[in-house]
Amino acid sequence: MSRRERELTQPVPLCWSDGRLNRDAVGWARRPIVRGNLRGAWPRKKRWEYWCVTTETHLVALTYADLDYLGLADLWFLDFASGREHHHAMAIPLAAGFRHAERCGDADVGFDQGGLRLRIHDEPNGTRLSFVSRRASGRVRLEGEIFVAHPEGHETLSVVVPWSDDRFQLTSKHQCRPATGELVFDGATFRFDASNGAFGCLDYGRGVWPLETTWNWASASGRVGERVIGLNLGGQWTDGTPSTENAFVVDGRLHKISEDVVFDYARDRFIDPWRLRTASGSVDLRFVPFHERASRIHLGVLRSEVHQCFGRFEGTLGEHRLDGLLGWAEEHRARW
């Protein structure tokens, strides 16, 4: 199904003073110009920053999220060749101490509890990510610092998805942001730079969500011949709204896709190949995973289950042909 989506070009607040959706914010933008000024609506508000920095051989991901009744801080590292991974997560009741900026690009947040330290700090030309994970003994397992540049003029995707005047989401997805830095895991150093195709992806979210949620999300960044191409595709959660979160970026220029993307995959074997396509054929991709990351949270009647698969995309994306572009595709089901 295709959409007629409005492009936003001027800054606008997401909400009115009473916390209800400002309908003037509904649409999409090439820059993060919508201010996520959430109000009230406890416990339906959700705020998060998720960063994933990939190379052709390894990746690291950071999550800093406030779900109103719970705060989540998460650090995850994967070495593709060996399959070794490291995961350190903390859950804080009532999200005590969690703070989020209203504007994407104004982050200066940190977490330091239970042997896990994260910091996400936006600077004039990019974002600095730093992290430390310690054992109970105090010995460091994983630590690093990465700077994810935001080149001047580089376009990103921001979208406001309205389910109703009191249920809505602002998302800002950034692909193909060049990354430099390093981390040390159990004494081994892993570099992030242009030589190994290091790019950062940001998922910034601010919204008031319904109790039951299902979404698909796919993202990728990398070099395709002489060009740098990234994609952001979503499914299910935008059904029945005037918005999609579908777009791709080529050499810093965003191309919006105002069509639904169908995600076809085996729910009993997420590691099997996926198919992502639009009715028009402008997107027709095969995704071949090589690693599945599954996470589950159960808190009484509340629950969240995510299956995030990392792998490579091949096929048609607009006028471009992909053949092994690194990225991920996921399913998230929640009662949250």
C-alpha atoms as a PDB file:
ATOM      1  CA  MET A   1       0.000   0.000   0.000  1.00  0.00           C
ATOM      2  CA  SER A   2       1.374   3.408  -0.972  1.00  0.00           C
ATOM      3  CA  ARG A   3       1.075   6.575   1.105  1.00  0.00           C
ATOM      4  CA  ARG A   4       0.901  10.302   0.442  1.00  0.00           C
ATOM      5  CA  GLU A   5       3.355  11.543   3.027  1.00  0.00           C
ATOM      6  CA  ARG A   6       4.133  15.144   3.855  1.00  0.00           C
ATOM      7  CA  GLU A   7       7.746  16.310   4.028  1.00  0.00           C
ATOM      8  CA  LEU A   8       8.452  18.574   7.006  1.00  0.00           C
ATOM      9  CA  THR A   9      10.981  21.357   6.507  1.00  0.00           C
ATOM     10  CA  GLN A  10      10.603  23.542   9.619  1.00  0.00           C
ATOM     11  CA  PRO A  11      11.125  22.740  13.319  1.00  0.00           C
ATOM     12  CA  VAL A  12       7.959  21.640  15.096  1.00  0.00           C
ATOM     13  CA  PRO A  13       7.069  20.221  18.536  1.00  0.00           C
ATOM     14  CA  LEU A  14       5.698  16.686  18.691  1.00  0.00           C
ATOM     15  CA  CYS A  15       3.129  17.470  21.391  1.00  0.00           C
ATOM     16  CA  TRP A  16       0.871  20.218  22.644  1.00  0.00           C
ATOM     17  CA  SER A  17       1.259  21.360  26.265  1.00  0.00           C
ATOM     18  CA  ASP A  18      -1.339  18.772  27.373  1.00  0.00           C
ATOM     19  CA  GLY A  19       0.737  15.937  25.893  1.00  0.00           C
ATOM     20  CA  ARG A  20      -1.542  15.243  22.937  1.00  0.00           C
ATOM     21  CA  LEU A  21      -0.164  14.896  19.418  1.00  0.00           C
ATOM     22  CA  ASN A  22       0.483  18.041  17.417  1.00  0.00           C
ATOM     23  CA  ARG A  23      -0.871  17.008  14.015  1.00  0.00           C
ATOM     24  CA  ASP A  24       1.415  19.564  12.346  1.00  0.00           C
ATOM     25  CA  ALA A  25       4.291  17.226  13.270  1.00  0.00           C
ATOM     26  CA  VAL A  26       2.922  14.267  11.304  1.00  0.00           C
ATOM     27  CA  GLY A  27       5.141  13.580   8.298  1.00  0.00           C
ATOM     28  CA  TRP A  28       8.791  12.925   7.568  1.00  0.00           C
ATOM     29  CA  ALA A  29      11.958  15.015   7.426  1.00  0.00           C
ATOM     30  CA  ARG A  30      15.532  14.837   6.165  1.00  0.00           C
ATOM     31  CA  ARG A  31      16.804  16.335   9.416  1.00  0.00           C
ATOM     32  CA  PRO A  32      15.760  15.725  13.049  1.00  0.00           C
ATOM     33  CA  ILE A  33      13.593  18.855  13.303  1.00  0.00           C
ATOM     34  CA  VAL A  34      10.719  17.445  15.398  1.00  0.00           C
ATOM     35  CA  ARG A  35      11.138  18.056  19.140  1.00  0.00           C
ATOM     36  CA  GLY A  36      10.122  15.067  21.256  1.00  0.00           C
ATOM     37  CA  ASN A  37       8.482  17.027  24.080  1.00  0.00           C
ATOM     38  CA  LEU A  38       6.480  14.212  25.695  1.00  0.00           C
ATOM     39  CA  ARG A  39       4.171  15.019  28.611  1.00  0.00           C
ATOM     40  CA  GLY A  40       2.126  12.902  31.044  1.00  0.00           C
ATOM     41  CA  ALA A  41       0.697   9.580  29.784  1.00  0.00           C
ATOM     42  CA  TRP A  42       2.456   7.404  32.385  1.00  0.00           C
ATOM     43  CA  PRO A  43       3.228   4.495  31.882  1.00  0.00           C
ATOM     44  CA  ARG A  44       2.814   4.604  28.090  1.00  0.00           C
ATOM     45  CA  LYS A  45       5.752   6.925  27.304  1.00  0.00           C
ATOM     46  CA  LYS A  46       8.846   5.362  25.728  1.00  0.00           C
ATOM     47  CA  ARG A  47      12.143   7.149  25.146  1.00  0.00           C
ATOM     48  CA  TRP A  48      15.309   5.567  23.819  1.00  0.00           C
ATOM     49  CA  GLU A  49      18.641   5.933  22.087  1.00  0.00           C
ATOM     50  CA  TYR A  50      19.956   2.802  20.395  1.00  0.00           C
ATOM     51  CA  TRP A  51      23.339   2.893  18.678  1.00  0.00           C
ATOM     52  CA  CYS A  52      24.847   0.093  16.613  1.00  0.00           C
ATOM     53  CA  VAL A  53      28.308   0.560  15.104  1.00  0.00           C
ATOM     54  CA  THR A  54      29.194  -2.078  12.523  1.00  0.00           C
ATOM     55  CA  THR A  55      32.298  -3.063  10.610  1.00  0.00           C
ATOM     56  CA  GLU A  56      32.816  -5.918   8.163  1.00  0.00           C
ATOM     57  CA  THR A  57      34.173  -8.066  11.018  1.00  0.00           C
ATOM     58  CA  HIS A  58      32.601  -6.957  14.317  1.00  0.00           C
ATOM     59  CA  LEU A  59      30.050  -4.635  15.903  1.00  0.00           C
ATOM     60  CA  VAL A  60      29.059  -3.009  19.166  1.00  0.00           C
ATOM     61  CA  ALA A  61      25.604  -1.820  20.261  1.00  0.00           C
ATOM     62  CA  LEU A  62      24.476   0.461  23.101  1.00  0.00           C
ATOM     63  CA  THR A  63      20.935   0.968  24.401  1.00  0.00           C
ATOM     64  CA  TYR A  64      19.750   3.655  26.816  1.00  0.00           C
ATOM     65  CA  ALA A  65      15.979   3.446  27.248  1.00  0.00           C
ATOM     66  CA  ASP A  66      13.279   4.792  29.567  1.00  0.00           C
ATOM     67  CA  LEU A  67       9.983   2.866  29.397  1.00  0.00           C
ATOM     68  CA  ASP A  68       8.415   4.985  32.200  1.00  0.00           C
ATOM     69  CA  TYR A  69       8.237   2.083  34.653  1.00  0.00           C
ATOM     70  CA  LEU A  70      11.652   0.632  33.772  1.00  0.00           C
ATOM     71  CA  GLY A  71      15.035   1.924  32.649  1.00  0.00           C
ATOM     72  CA  LEU A  72      17.276  -0.236  30.462  1.00  0.00           C
ATOM     73  CA  ALA A  73      21.009   0.124  29.842  1.00  0.00           C
ATOM     74  CA  ASP A  74      22.561  -2.442  27.535  1.00  0.00           C
ATOM     75  CA  LEU A  75      25.954  -3.088  25.939  1.00  0.00           C
ATOM     76  CA  TRP A  76      26.561  -5.842  23.388  1.00  0.00           C
ATOM     77  CA  PHE A  77      29.604  -6.825  21.307  1.00  0.00           C
ATOM     78  CA  LEU A  78      29.923  -9.448  18.558  1.00  0.00           C
ATOM     79  CA  ASP A  79      33.013 -10.735  16.738  1.00  0.00           C
ATOM     80  CA  PHE A  80      31.766 -12.264  13.475  1.00  0.00           C
ATOM     81  CA  ALA A  81      34.647 -14.659  12.797  1.00  0.00           C
ATOM     82  CA  SER A  82      34.708 -16.389  16.175  1.00  0.00           C
ATOM     83  CA  GLY A  83      31.083 -15.840  17.127  1.00  0.00           C
ATOM     84  CA  ARG A  84      32.238 -14.560  20.515  1.00  0.00           C
ATOM     85  CA  GLU A  85      29.926 -12.033  22.075  1.00  0.00           C
ATOM     86  CA  HIS A  86      29.663 -10.064  25.287  1.00  0.00           C
ATOM     87  CA  HIS A  87      26.427  -8.793  26.795  1.00  0.00           C
ATOM     88  CA  HIS A  88      25.954  -6.624  29.878  1.00  0.00           C
ATOM     89  CA  ALA A  89      22.494  -5.287  30.737  1.00  0.00           C
ATOM     90  CA  MET A  90      20.935  -3.482  33.685  1.00  0.00           C
ATOM     91  CA  ALA A  91      17.248  -2.868  34.436  1.00  0.00           C
ATOM     92  CA  ILE A  92      16.334  -0.043  36.821  1.00  0.00           C
ATOM     93  CA  PRO A  93      12.830   0.130  38.359  1.00  0.00           C
ATOM     94  CA  LEU A  94      10.869   3.277  37.455  1.00  0.00           C
ATOM     95  CA  ALA A  95      13.818   4.358  35.256  1.00  0.00           C
ATOM     96  CA  ALA A  96      15.288   6.134  38.284  1.00  0.00           C
ATOM     97  CA  GLY A  97      18.049   8.502  37.179  1.00  0.00           C
ATOM     98  CA  PHE A  98      17.354   8.181  33.444  1.00  0.00           C
ATOM     99  CA  ARG A  99      17.251  11.472  31.529  1.00  0.00           C
ATOM    100  CA  HIS A 100      16.678  12.107  27.829  1.00  0.00           C
ATOM    101  CA  ALA A 101      17.011  15.250  25.720  1.00  0.00           C
ATOM    102  CA  GLU A 102      13.918  16.316  23.790  1.00  0.00           C
ATOM    103  CA  ARG A 103      15.867  17.016  20.607  1.00  0.00           C
ATOM    104  CA  CYS A 104      17.734  14.406  18.615  1.00  0.00           C
ATOM    105  CA  GLY A 105      21.330  15.625  18.503  1.00  0.00           C
ATOM    106  CA  ASP A 106      21.306  17.059  22.051  1.00  0.00           C
ATOM    107  CA  ALA A 107      22.099  13.849  23.933  1.00  0.00           C
ATOM    108  CA  ASP A 108      24.386  13.939  26.943  1.00  0.00           C
ATOM    109  CA  VAL A 109      23.355  10.895  28.922  1.00  0.00           C
ATOM    110  CA  GLY A 110      25.182   8.433  31.073  1.00  0.00           C
ATOM    111  CA  PHE A 111      24.738   5.309  33.145  1.00  0.00           C
ATOM    112  CA  ASP A 112      27.076   3.864  35.786  1.00  0.00           C
ATOM    113  CA  GLN A 113      25.721   0.981  37.864  1.00  0.00           C
ATOM    114  CA  GLY A 114      26.367  -2.713  38.359  1.00  0.00           C
ATOM    115  CA  GLY A 115      29.719  -2.664  36.590  1.00  0.00           C
ATOM    116  CA  LEU A 116      28.254  -1.122  33.424  1.00  0.00           C
ATOM    117  CA  ARG A 117      29.148   2.398  32.347  1.00  0.00           C
ATOM    118  CA  LEU A 118      27.738   4.031  29.211  1.00  0.00           C
ATOM    119  CA  ARG A 119      27.913   7.567  27.905  1.00  0.00           C
ATOM    120  CA  ILE A 120      26.299   9.037  24.795  1.00  0.00           C
ATOM    121  CA  HIS A 121      27.451  12.583  24.162  1.00  0.00           C
ATOM    122  CA  ASP A 122      26.458  14.636  21.128  1.00  0.00           C
ATOM    123  CA  GLU A 123      29.113  17.076  19.903  1.00  0.00           C
ATOM    124  CA  PRO A 124      28.925  19.701  17.118  1.00  0.00           C
ATOM    125  CA  ASN A 125      30.066  17.265  14.395  1.00  0.00           C
ATOM    126  CA  GLY A 126      28.868  13.921  15.705  1.00  0.00           C
ATOM    127  CA  THR A 127      28.306  11.668  18.700  1.00  0.00           C
ATOM    128  CA  ARG A 128      30.853  10.203  21.103  1.00  0.00           C
ATOM    129  CA  LEU A 129      30.068   6.773  22.538  1.00  0.00           C
ATOM    130  CA  SER A 130      32.047   5.434  25.493  1.00  0.00           C
ATOM    131  CA  PHE A 131      31.477   2.268  27.459  1.00  0.00           C
ATOM    132  CA  VAL A 132      32.973  -0.031  30.099  1.00  0.00           C
ATOM    133  CA  SER A 133      31.801  -3.450  31.268  1.00  0.00           C
ATOM    134  CA  ARG A 134      33.346  -4.966  34.399  1.00  0.00           C
ATOM    135  CA  ARG A 135      33.107  -8.359  36.058  1.00  0.00           C
ATOM    136  CA  ALA A 136      31.833  -8.605  39.637  1.00  0.00           C
ATOM    137  CA  SER A 137      35.510  -8.692  40.667  1.00  0.00           C
ATOM    138  CA  GLY A 138      35.999  -5.268  39.089  1.00  0.00           C
ATOM    139  CA  ARG A 139      38.134  -6.531  36.204  1.00  0.00           C
ATOM    140  CA  VAL A 140      37.317  -4.900  32.873  1.00  0.00           C
ATOM    141  CA  ARG A 141      35.925  -7.269  30.209  1.00  0.00           C
ATOM    142  CA  LEU A 142      35.079  -4.703  27.543  1.00  0.00           C
ATOM    143  CA  GLU A 143      35.811  -1.007  27.154  1.00  0.00           C
ATOM    144  CA  GLY A 144      36.014   1.454  24.305  1.00  0.00           C
ATOM    145  CA  GLU A 145      35.293   4.822  22.767  1.00  0.00           C
ATOM    146  CA  ILE A 146      33.925   5.516  19.287  1.00  0.00           C
ATOM    147  CA  PHE A 147      33.161   8.794  17.558  1.00  0.00           C
ATOM    148  CA  VAL A 148      30.318   8.626  15.038  1.00  0.00           C
ATOM    149  CA  ALA A 149      30.580  11.612  12.710  1.00  0.00           C
ATOM    150  CA  HIS A 150      27.591  13.478  11.297  1.00  0.00           C
ATOM    151  CA  PRO A 151      29.009  15.040   8.107  1.00  0.00           C
ATOM    152  CA  GLU A 152      27.603  18.405   7.104  1.00  0.00           C
ATOM    153  CA  GLY A 153      24.611  17.935   4.814  1.00  0.00           C
ATOM    154  CA  HIS A 154      24.249  14.213   5.542  1.00  0.00           C
ATOM    155  CA  GLU A 155      20.526  13.423   5.477  1.00  0.00           C
ATOM    156  CA  THR A 156      18.705  11.134   7.894  1.00  0.00           C
ATOM    157  CA  LEU A 157      15.117   9.952   8.298  1.00  0.00           C
ATOM    158  CA  SER A 158      12.740  11.367  10.900  1.00  0.00           C
ATOM    159  CA  VAL A 159       9.105  10.233  10.924  1.00  0.00           C
ATOM    160  CA  VAL A 160       6.083  10.849  13.138  1.00  0.00           C
ATOM    161  CA  VAL A 161       3.660   7.917  13.178  1.00  0.00           C
ATOM    162  CA  PRO A 162       0.164   8.711  14.538  1.00  0.00           C
ATOM    163  CA  TRP A 163      -2.106   5.945  15.816  1.00  0.00           C
ATOM    164  CA  SER A 164      -4.350   8.542  17.491  1.00  0.00           C
ATOM    165  CA  ASP A 165      -4.091  11.927  19.202  1.00  0.00           C
ATOM    166  CA  ASP A 166      -2.853  10.234  22.377  1.00  0.00           C
ATOM    167  CA  ARG A 167      -0.815   7.355  20.882  1.00  0.00           C
ATOM    168  CA  PHE A 168       2.050   8.235  18.534  1.00  0.00           C
ATOM    169  CA  GLN A 169       5.778   7.830  17.901  1.00  0.00           C
ATOM    170  CA  LEU A 170       8.617  10.049  16.710  1.00  0.00           C
ATOM    171  CA  THR A 171      11.512   8.067  15.293  1.00  0.00           C
ATOM    172  CA  SER A 172      14.793   9.360  13.869  1.00  0.00           C
ATOM    173  CA  LYS A 173      16.903   6.774  12.070  1.00  0.00           C
ATOM    174  CA  HIS A 174      20.461   7.590  10.983  1.00  0.00           C
ATOM    175  CA  GLN A 175      22.411   5.313   8.646  1.00  0.00           C
ATOM    176  CA  CYS A 176      25.875   5.569   7.069  1.00  0.00           C
ATOM    177  CA  ARG A 177      27.452   7.830   9.683  1.00  0.00           C
ATOM    178  CA  PRO A 178      31.241   7.211   9.539  1.00  0.00           C
ATOM    179  CA  ALA A 179      32.743   5.864  12.774  1.00  0.00           C
ATOM    180  CA  THR A 180      36.270   5.850  14.209  1.00  0.00           C
ATOM    181  CA  GLY A 181      37.601   4.437  17.453  1.00  0.00           C
ATOM    182  CA  GLU A 182      38.437   1.192  19.152  1.00  0.00           C
ATOM    183  CA  LEU A 183      37.400  -1.217  21.867  1.00  0.00           C
ATOM    184  CA  VAL A 184      39.271  -3.800  23.888  1.00  0.00           C
ATOM    185  CA  PHE A 185      37.601  -7.119  24.667  1.00  0.00           C
ATOM    186  CA  ASP A 186      39.434  -9.562  26.951  1.00  0.00           C
ATOM    187  CA  GLY A 187      42.741  -7.962  25.973  1.00  0.00           C
ATOM    188  CA  ALA A 188      42.160  -7.977  22.192  1.00  0.00           C
ATOM    189  CA  THR A 189      41.808  -4.654  20.357  1.00  0.00           C
ATOM    190  CA  PHE A 190      39.113  -4.131  17.723  1.00  0.00           C
ATOM    191  CA  ARG A 191      39.336  -1.057  15.490  1.00  0.00           C
ATOM    192  CA  PHE A 192      36.543   0.965  13.918  1.00  0.00           C
ATOM    193  CA  ASP A 193      37.521   3.083  10.910  1.00  0.00           C
ATOM    194  CA  ALA A 194      37.143   3.471   7.148  1.00  0.00           C
ATOM    195  CA  SER A 195      39.494   0.557   6.439  1.00  0.00           C
ATOM    196  CA  ASN A 196      36.997  -1.956   7.832  1.00  0.00           C
ATOM    197  CA  GLY A 197      33.822  -0.153   6.787  1.00  0.00           C
ATOM    198  CA  ALA A 198      32.797   1.270  10.151  1.00  0.00           C
ATOM    199  CA  PHE A 199      29.422   3.034  10.197  1.00  0.00           C
ATOM    200  CA  GLY A 200      27.134   4.026  13.043  1.00  0.00           C
ATOM    201  CA  CYS A 201      23.350   3.711  13.066  1.00  0.00           C
ATOM    202  CA  LEU A 202      21.141   5.639  15.496  1.00  0.00           C
ATOM    203  CA  ASP A 203      17.583   4.749  16.445  1.00  0.00           C
ATOM    204  CA  TYR A 204      16.162   7.683  18.420  1.00  0.00           C
ATOM    205  CA  GLY A 205      12.618   7.147  19.691  1.00  0.00           C
ATOM    206  CA  ARG A 206      10.127   9.306  21.582  1.00  0.00           C
ATOM    207  CA  GLY A 207       6.518   8.255  21.812  1.00  0.00           C
ATOM    208  CA  VAL A 208       3.363   7.260  23.641  1.00  0.00           C
ATOM    209  CA  TRP A 209       2.692   3.644  22.733  1.00  0.00           C
ATOM    210  CA  PRO A 210      -0.285   1.288  22.859  1.00  0.00           C
ATOM    211  CA  LEU A 211      -0.042  -1.641  25.255  1.00  0.00           C
ATOM    212  CA  GLU A 212       0.369  -4.286  22.527  1.00  0.00           C
ATOM    213  CA  THR A 213       3.033  -3.743  19.854  1.00  0.00           C
ATOM    214  CA  THR A 214       4.614  -5.680  16.992  1.00  0.00           C
ATOM    215  CA  TRP A 215       7.235  -4.276  14.669  1.00  0.00           C
ATOM    216  CA  ASN A 216       9.789  -5.251  12.059  1.00  0.00           C
ATOM    217  CA  TRP A 217      12.878  -3.164  11.450  1.00  0.00           C
ATOM    218  CA  ALA A 218      15.734  -3.523   8.974  1.00  0.00           C
ATOM    219  CA  SER A 219      18.827  -1.353   8.714  1.00  0.00           C
ATOM    220  CA  ALA A 220      22.084  -1.488   6.769  1.00  0.00           C
ATOM    221  CA  SER A 221      25.055   0.722   5.928  1.00  0.00           C
ATOM    222  CA  GLY A 222      28.068   0.138   3.725  1.00  0.00           C
ATOM    223  CA  ARG A 223      29.910   0.625   0.476  1.00  0.00           C
ATOM    224  CA  VAL A 224      28.370  -0.578  -2.765  1.00  0.00           C
ATOM    225  CA  GLY A 225      30.988  -0.036  -5.448  1.00  0.00           C
ATOM    226  CA  GLU A 226      31.984   3.623  -5.298  1.00  0.00           C
ATOM    227  CA  ARG A 227      28.906   4.646  -3.327  1.00  0.00           C
ATOM    228  CA  VAL A 228      27.889   4.541   0.323  1.00  0.00           C
ATOM    229  CA  ILE A 229      24.364   3.154   0.651  1.00  0.00           C
ATOM    230  CA  GLY A 230      22.160   2.631   3.672  1.00  0.00           C
ATOM    231  CA  LEU A 231      18.594   1.501   4.181  1.00  0.00           C
ATOM    232  CA  ASN A 232      15.910   1.801   6.830  1.00  0.00           C
ATOM    233  CA  LEU A 233      12.798  -0.339   6.410  1.00  0.00           C
ATOM    234  CA  GLY A 234       9.962  -1.022   8.836  1.00  0.00           C
ATOM    235  CA  GLY A 235       6.805  -3.048   8.963  1.00  0.00           C
ATOM    236  CA  GLN A 236       3.627  -3.858  10.903  1.00  0.00           C
ATOM    237  CA  TRP A 237       3.755  -1.058  13.467  1.00  0.00           C
ATOM    238  CA  THR A 238       2.882   1.654  10.906  1.00  0.00           C
ATOM    239  CA  ASP A 239      -0.030  -0.305   9.386  1.00  0.00           C
ATOM    240  CA  GLY A 240      -3.212   1.760   9.220  1.00  0.00           C
ATOM    241  CA  THR A 241      -1.391   5.096   9.604  1.00  0.00           C
ATOM    242  CA  PRO A 242      -0.435   7.713   6.981  1.00  0.00           C
ATOM    243  CA  SER A 243       3.285   7.154   7.684  1.00  0.00           C
ATOM    244  CA  THR A 244       6.056   4.696   6.891  1.00  0.00           C
ATOM    245  CA  GLU A 245       9.647   4.587   8.119  1.00  0.00           C
ATOM    246  CA  ASN A 246      10.954   3.360   4.779  1.00  0.00           C
ATOM    247  CA  ALA A 247      13.834   5.095   3.013  1.00  0.00           C
ATOM    248  CA  PHE A 248      17.356   4.634   1.734  1.00  0.00           C
ATOM    249  CA  VAL A 249      20.342   6.949   1.634  1.00  0.00           C
ATOM    250  CA  VAL A 250      22.938   7.178  -1.146  1.00  0.00           C
ATOM    251  CA  ASP A 251      26.084   9.235  -0.570  1.00  0.00           C
ATOM    252  CA  GLY A 252      24.303  11.220   2.133  1.00  0.00           C
ATOM    253  CA  ARG A 253      21.114  11.930   0.160  1.00  0.00           C
ATOM    254  CA  LEU A 254      17.846  10.477   1.494  1.00  0.00           C
ATOM    255  CA  HIS A 255      15.277   8.834  -0.797  1.00  0.00           C
ATOM    256  CA  LYS A 256      11.861   8.306   0.816  1.00  0.00           C
ATOM    257  CA  ILE A 257       9.817   5.178   0.074  1.00  0.00           C
ATOM    258  CA  SER A 258       6.115   5.891   0.638  1.00  0.00           C
ATOM    259  CA  GLU A 259       5.053   2.261   0.386  1.00  0.00           C
ATOM    260  CA  ASP A 260       4.594  -0.568   2.850  1.00  0.00           C
ATOM    261  CA  VAL A 261       7.406  -3.104   3.017  1.00  0.00           C
ATOM    262  CA  VAL A 262       6.367  -6.718   3.577  1.00  0.00           C
ATOM    263  CA  PHE A 263       8.720  -8.758   5.769  1.00  0.00           C
ATOM    264  CA  ASP A 264       8.495 -12.474   4.968  1.00  0.00           C
ATOM    265  CA  TYR A 265      10.358 -14.796   7.360  1.00  0.00           C
ATOM    266  CA  ALA A 266       9.982 -17.984   9.387  1.00  0.00           C
ATOM    267  CA  ARG A 267       8.944 -17.168  12.951  1.00  0.00           C
ATOM    268  CA  ASP A 268      10.136 -20.578  14.124  1.00  0.00           C
ATOM    269  CA  ARG A 269      13.559 -20.132  12.479  1.00  0.00           C
ATOM    270  CA  PHE A 270      14.604 -16.490  12.368  1.00  0.00           C
ATOM    271  CA  ILE A 271      18.073 -17.498  11.162  1.00  0.00           C
ATOM    272  CA  ASP A 272      16.631 -18.663   7.815  1.00  0.00           C
ATOM    273  CA  PRO A 273      16.684 -16.167   4.890  1.00  0.00           C
ATOM    274  CA  TRP A 274      14.154 -13.308   4.937  1.00  0.00           C
ATOM    275  CA  ARG A 275      12.430 -11.555   2.029  1.00  0.00           C
ATOM    276  CA  LEU A 276      11.620  -7.822   2.103  1.00  0.00           C
ATOM    277  CA  ARG A 277       9.642  -6.280  -0.723  1.00  0.00           C
ATOM    278  CA  THR A 278       7.160  -3.614  -1.806  1.00  0.00           C
ATOM    279  CA  ALA A 279       4.161  -4.141  -4.078  1.00  0.00           C
ATOM    280  CA  SER A 280       5.741  -1.974  -6.787  1.00  0.00           C
ATOM    281  CA  GLY A 281       9.020  -3.898  -6.746  1.00  0.00           C
ATOM    282  CA  SER A 282      11.066  -0.816  -5.829  1.00  0.00           C
ATOM    283  CA  VAL A 283      12.321  -2.881  -2.895  1.00  0.00           C
ATOM    284  CA  ASP A 284      12.974  -6.578  -3.471  1.00  0.00           C
ATOM    285  CA  LEU A 285      15.614  -7.852  -1.083  1.00  0.00           C
ATOM    286  CA  ARG A 286      16.818 -11.167   0.263  1.00  0.00           C
ATOM    287  CA  PHE A 287      18.380 -11.025   3.705  1.00  0.00           C
ATOM    288  CA  VAL A 288      20.674 -13.879   4.750  1.00  0.00           C
ATOM    289  CA  PRO A 289      21.423 -13.907   8.498  1.00  0.00           C
ATOM    290  CA  PHE A 290      24.600 -15.254  10.040  1.00  0.00           C
ATOM    291  CA  HIS A 291      23.801 -14.476  13.700  1.00  0.00           C
ATOM    292  CA  GLU A 292      20.618 -14.207  15.763  1.00  0.00           C
ATOM    293  CA  ARG A 293      20.416 -12.183  18.954  1.00  0.00           C
ATOM    294  CA  ALA A 294      17.326 -12.993  21.029  1.00  0.00           C
ATOM    295  CA  SER A 295      16.294 -11.058  24.135  1.00  0.00           C
ATOM    296  CA  ARG A 296      13.287 -11.510  26.401  1.00  0.00           C
ATOM    297  CA  ILE A 297      11.915  -9.484  29.304  1.00  0.00           C
ATOM    298  CA  HIS A 298       9.010 -10.691  31.461  1.00  0.00           C
ATOM    299  CA  LEU A 299       7.598  -8.528  34.271  1.00  0.00           C
ATOM    300  CA  GLY A 300       4.308 -10.019  35.398  1.00  0.00           C
ATOM    301  CA  VAL A 301       1.767  -9.281  32.661  1.00  0.00           C
ATOM    302  CA  LEU A 302       4.322  -7.181  30.748  1.00  0.00           C
ATOM    303  CA  ARG A 303       6.727  -8.731  28.276  1.00  0.00           C
ATOM    304  CA  SER A 304       9.064  -7.959  25.402  1.00  0.00           C
ATOM    305  CA  GLU A 305      10.676 -10.364  22.950  1.00  0.00           C
ATOM    306  CA  VAL A 306      13.127  -9.331  20.238  1.00  0.00           C
ATOM    307  CA  HIS A 307      14.773 -11.480  17.579  1.00  0.00           C
ATOM    308  CA  GLN A 308      17.457  -9.382  15.874  1.00  0.00           C
ATOM    309  CA  CYS A 309      19.334 -11.103  13.052  1.00  0.00           C
ATOM    310  CA  PHE A 310      22.584  -9.807  11.589  1.00  0.00           C
ATOM    311  CA  GLY A 311      23.485 -10.687   8.039  1.00  0.00           C
ATOM    312  CA  ARG A 312      23.687  -9.413   4.471  1.00  0.00           C
ATOM    313  CA  PHE A 313      21.221  -7.953   2.001  1.00  0.00           C
ATOM    314  CA  GLU A 314      21.112  -8.702  -1.705  1.00  0.00           C
ATOM    315  CA  GLY A 315      18.676  -7.579  -4.382  1.00  0.00           C
ATOM    316  CA  THR A 316      16.971  -4.407  -5.596  1.00  0.00           C
ATOM    317  CA  LEU A 317      16.752  -1.124  -3.695  1.00  0.00           C
ATOM    318  CA  GLY A 318      15.353   1.565  -5.964  1.00  0.00           C
ATOM    319  CA  GLU A 319      17.763   1.832  -8.890  1.00  0.00           C
ATOM    320  CA  HIS A 320      20.548   0.144  -6.966  1.00  0.00           C
ATOM    321  CA  ARG A 321      21.676  -3.463  -6.808  1.00  0.00           C
ATOM    322  CA  LEU A 322      22.893  -4.780  -3.451  1.00  0.00           C
ATOM    323  CA  ASP A 323      25.157  -7.790  -3.097  1.00  0.00           C
ATOM    324  CA  GLY A 324      26.191  -8.477   0.492  1.00  0.00           C
ATOM    325  CA  LEU A 325      25.367  -5.182   2.248  1.00  0.00           C
ATOM    326  CA  LEU A 326      25.849  -5.693   5.992  1.00  0.00           C
ATOM    327  CA  GLY A 327      22.946  -4.985   8.319  1.00  0.00           C
ATOM    328  CA  TRP A 328      20.161  -6.503  10.366  1.00  0.00           C
ATOM    329  CA  ALA A 329      16.475  -7.350  10.400  1.00  0.00           C
ATOM    330  CA  GLU A 330      14.368  -7.899  13.481  1.00  0.00           C
ATOM    331  CA  GLU A 331      10.995  -8.740  14.946  1.00  0.00           C
ATOM    332  CA  HIS A 332       9.835  -7.185  18.225  1.00  0.00           C
ATOM    333  CA  ARG A 333       6.657  -8.259  19.998  1.00  0.00           C
ATOM    334  CA  ALA A 334       5.722  -6.577  23.249  1.00  0.00           C
ATOM    335  CA  ARG A 335       3.057  -6.017  25.840  1.00  0.00           C
ATOM    336  CA  TRP A 336       4.687  -2.995  27.439  1.00  0.00           C
END
